[in-house]
Amino acid sequence: MRVSPSLPKLAAIVAMLVLAAGVGVWGAVLLAPSPPPAPPTAVSDGSLQTDTGPVANWFGTGAGARIQVVVAGLIAAGPRGSAVLAIDGRPARAYAVGAELADGVLLAEVRGTGVVLDQGGERVEIEAAKLPPVDGIRSVAAPR
C-alpha cells in the first residue's frame, strides 16, 4: 500500500489549525479586560459588628429565645416538686424540678402559687391560674 504524499500535508494543516485555535483561546483568556472594582458598599473588611439578638427574639431562636409556659396544675411544691405545664401550646404534661423544658430552660422551683423557671441564668416566676370560687358547695353542720 502506498501512502499518499498529501497525508503529511493534511496532518501539518490540522496541527497548525489546532495550534492557532489554542493560541487564540489562551490569548482571549489572558488578555481579557479585568472586571471593574466592586462598589465601596459591597466591599467588607469584616469590621462591621451586628447584633442579631433582637431579630432572634422576634423569630424565637437564638440564645435569647423564650418559651411560652402555661401552668396547668401543681402536683407538689418544694425541692422534689412537680408541675403540669403546657409548653409553647403543646399538650400539658408533668415535669419534675430540674427538668429541661427547652434548650437552656429548666424548671427551677415549684411553689404553692406557681413555678420558677431558669432561662439562661435569669429566673422567671410564672403564677398558676387562680380557680374561681365554686358556688353550690356549702358546708353543712351535722345534725345533733
Protein backbone atom coordinates (compact mmCIF):
# COMPACT_ATOMS: atom_id res chain seq x y z
CA MET A 1 0.00 0.00 0.00
CA ARG A 2 1.30 3.33 -0.95
CA VAL A 3 0.99 6.38 1.29
CA SER A 4 -0.23 9.40 -0.47
CA PRO A 5 2.05 12.46 -0.28
CA SER A 6 -0.94 14.61 0.64
CA LEU A 7 -1.44 12.85 4.04
CA PRO A 8 1.60 14.53 5.70
CA LYS A 9 0.48 17.87 4.32
CA LEU A 10 -3.03 17.30 5.68
CA ALA A 11 -1.64 16.39 9.13
CA ALA A 12 0.51 19.54 9.12
CA ILE A 13 -2.51 21.71 8.24
CA VAL A 14 -4.63 20.15 11.05
CA ALA A 15 -1.79 20.62 13.53
CA MET A 16 -1.43 24.29 12.52
CA LEU A 17 -5.20 24.84 12.94
CA VAL A 18 -5.16 23.25 16.40
CA LEU A 19 -2.17 25.38 17.38
CA ALA A 20 -3.87 28.56 16.10
CA ALA A 21 -7.09 27.71 17.99
CA GLY A 22 -5.13 27.11 21.21
CA VAL A 23 -3.22 30.37 20.88
CA GLY A 24 -6.48 32.23 20.14
CA VAL A 25 -8.34 30.80 23.17
CA TRP A 26 -5.48 31.37 25.60
CA GLY A 27 -4.89 34.83 24.19
CA ALA A 28 -8.55 35.74 24.77
CA VAL A 29 -8.45 34.37 28.33
CA LEU A 30 -5.20 36.02 29.34
CA LEU A 31 -5.74 39.35 27.58
CA ALA A 32 -9.41 39.83 28.56
CA PRO A 33 -10.12 43.09 30.40
CA SER A 34 -10.38 42.78 34.19
CA PRO A 35 -13.81 43.34 35.76
CA PRO A 36 -14.45 46.77 37.30
CA PRO A 37 -13.83 47.11 41.05
CA ALA A 38 -16.76 46.45 43.39
CA PRO A 39 -18.65 49.46 44.74
CA PRO A 40 -17.49 50.62 48.18
CA THR A 41 -20.68 49.42 49.93
CA ALA A 42 -20.15 45.86 48.70
CA VAL A 43 -16.58 45.65 49.98
CA SER A 44 -16.38 44.34 53.55
CA ASP A 45 -13.31 44.34 55.72
CA GLY A 46 -15.04 42.36 58.48
CA SER A 47 -15.06 45.28 60.93
CA LEU A 48 -18.85 45.67 60.89
CA GLN A 49 -20.31 44.07 64.02
CA THR A 50 -24.05 43.42 64.11
CA ASP A 51 -26.24 42.32 66.98
CA THR A 52 -28.74 39.72 65.78
CA GLY A 53 -30.22 39.15 69.24
CA PRO A 54 -33.36 41.29 68.71
CA VAL A 55 -34.11 39.56 65.41
CA ALA A 56 -33.55 36.16 67.02
CA ASN A 57 -36.04 37.10 69.73
CA TRP A 58 -38.63 38.09 67.12
CA PHE A 59 -38.46 34.70 65.47
CA GLY A 60 -37.99 32.67 68.65
CA THR A 61 -34.48 31.39 68.03
CA GLY A 62 -31.03 32.01 69.39
CA ALA A 63 -29.72 32.48 72.91
CA GLY A 64 -32.44 34.99 73.76
CA ALA A 65 -35.24 32.64 72.83
CA ARG A 66 -38.08 32.43 75.31
CA ILE A 67 -40.72 29.77 75.59
CA GLN A 68 -44.38 30.17 76.39
CA VAL A 69 -45.34 28.27 79.54
CA VAL A 70 -48.84 27.81 80.95
CA VAL A 71 -49.15 26.29 84.42
CA ALA A 72 -51.95 23.74 84.14
CA GLY A 73 -51.51 22.37 87.64
CA LEU A 74 -49.23 21.96 90.62
CA ILE A 75 -48.67 18.45 91.92
CA ALA A 76 -46.29 19.16 94.80
CA ALA A 77 -44.21 22.09 95.98
CA GLY A 78 -40.68 22.08 97.31
CA PRO A 79 -37.33 20.77 96.12
CA ARG A 80 -38.83 17.48 94.88
CA GLY A 81 -41.97 19.10 93.50
CA SER A 82 -43.53 18.72 90.09
CA ALA A 83 -45.94 20.68 87.97
CA VAL A 84 -48.16 20.12 84.95
CA LEU A 85 -47.05 22.56 82.24
CA ALA A 86 -48.12 23.29 78.67
CA ILE A 87 -45.04 24.40 76.69
CA ASP A 88 -45.47 26.50 73.52
CA GLY A 89 -49.09 25.41 73.03
CA ARG A 90 -48.37 21.69 73.17
CA PRO A 91 -50.46 19.38 75.38
CA ALA A 92 -49.72 19.68 79.10
CA ARG A 93 -47.50 17.11 80.80
CA ALA A 94 -45.82 16.70 84.19
CA TYR A 95 -42.29 17.99 84.82
CA ALA A 96 -40.16 17.50 87.93
CA VAL A 97 -37.90 20.18 89.42
CA GLY A 98 -34.65 20.26 87.44
CA ALA A 99 -36.25 19.03 84.20
CA GLU A 100 -35.23 20.78 80.99
CA LEU A 101 -38.31 22.28 79.32
CA ALA A 102 -36.44 23.54 76.24
CA ASP A 103 -32.85 24.38 75.29
CA GLY A 104 -31.45 26.38 78.20
CA VAL A 105 -34.74 26.48 80.15
CA LEU A 106 -35.05 24.50 83.39
CA LEU A 107 -37.85 24.10 85.91
CA ALA A 108 -36.04 25.57 88.92
CA GLU A 109 -38.75 25.56 91.60
CA VAL A 110 -42.35 24.61 92.23
CA ARG A 111 -44.14 26.83 94.72
CA GLY A 112 -47.65 26.74 96.08
CA THR A 113 -48.64 29.63 93.79
CA GLY A 114 -46.74 28.78 90.61
CA VAL A 115 -43.38 27.78 89.17
CA VAL A 116 -39.96 29.38 88.74
CA LEU A 117 -38.04 28.81 85.51
CA ASP A 118 -34.32 29.30 84.92
CA GLN A 119 -33.90 30.74 81.41
CA GLY A 120 -30.21 31.13 80.70
CA GLY A 121 -29.40 32.25 84.24
CA GLU A 122 -32.45 34.51 84.55
CA ARG A 123 -35.14 33.32 86.98
CA VAL A 124 -38.71 33.89 85.81
CA GLU A 125 -41.73 33.26 88.04
CA ILE A 126 -44.97 32.09 86.42
CA GLU A 127 -48.08 32.00 88.57
CA ALA A 128 -50.71 29.32 88.30
CA ALA A 129 -54.19 30.43 87.27
CA LYS A 130 -56.47 31.12 90.20
CA LEU A 131 -59.54 28.92 90.25
CA PRO A 132 -62.86 30.73 90.57
CA PRO A 133 -64.86 30.13 93.74
CA VAL A 134 -67.23 27.22 93.47
CA ASP A 135 -70.89 28.02 94.04
CA GLY A 136 -73.25 25.34 95.20
CA ILE A 137 -70.97 23.57 97.65
CA ARG A 138 -71.83 24.54 101.18
CA SER A 139 -70.63 23.12 104.38
CA VAL A 140 -73.49 21.74 106.39
CA ALA A 141 -73.32 21.21 110.09
CA ALA A 142 -74.03 17.64 111.14
CA PRO A 143 -77.41 17.23 112.86
CA ARG A 144 -77.19 16.73 116.61
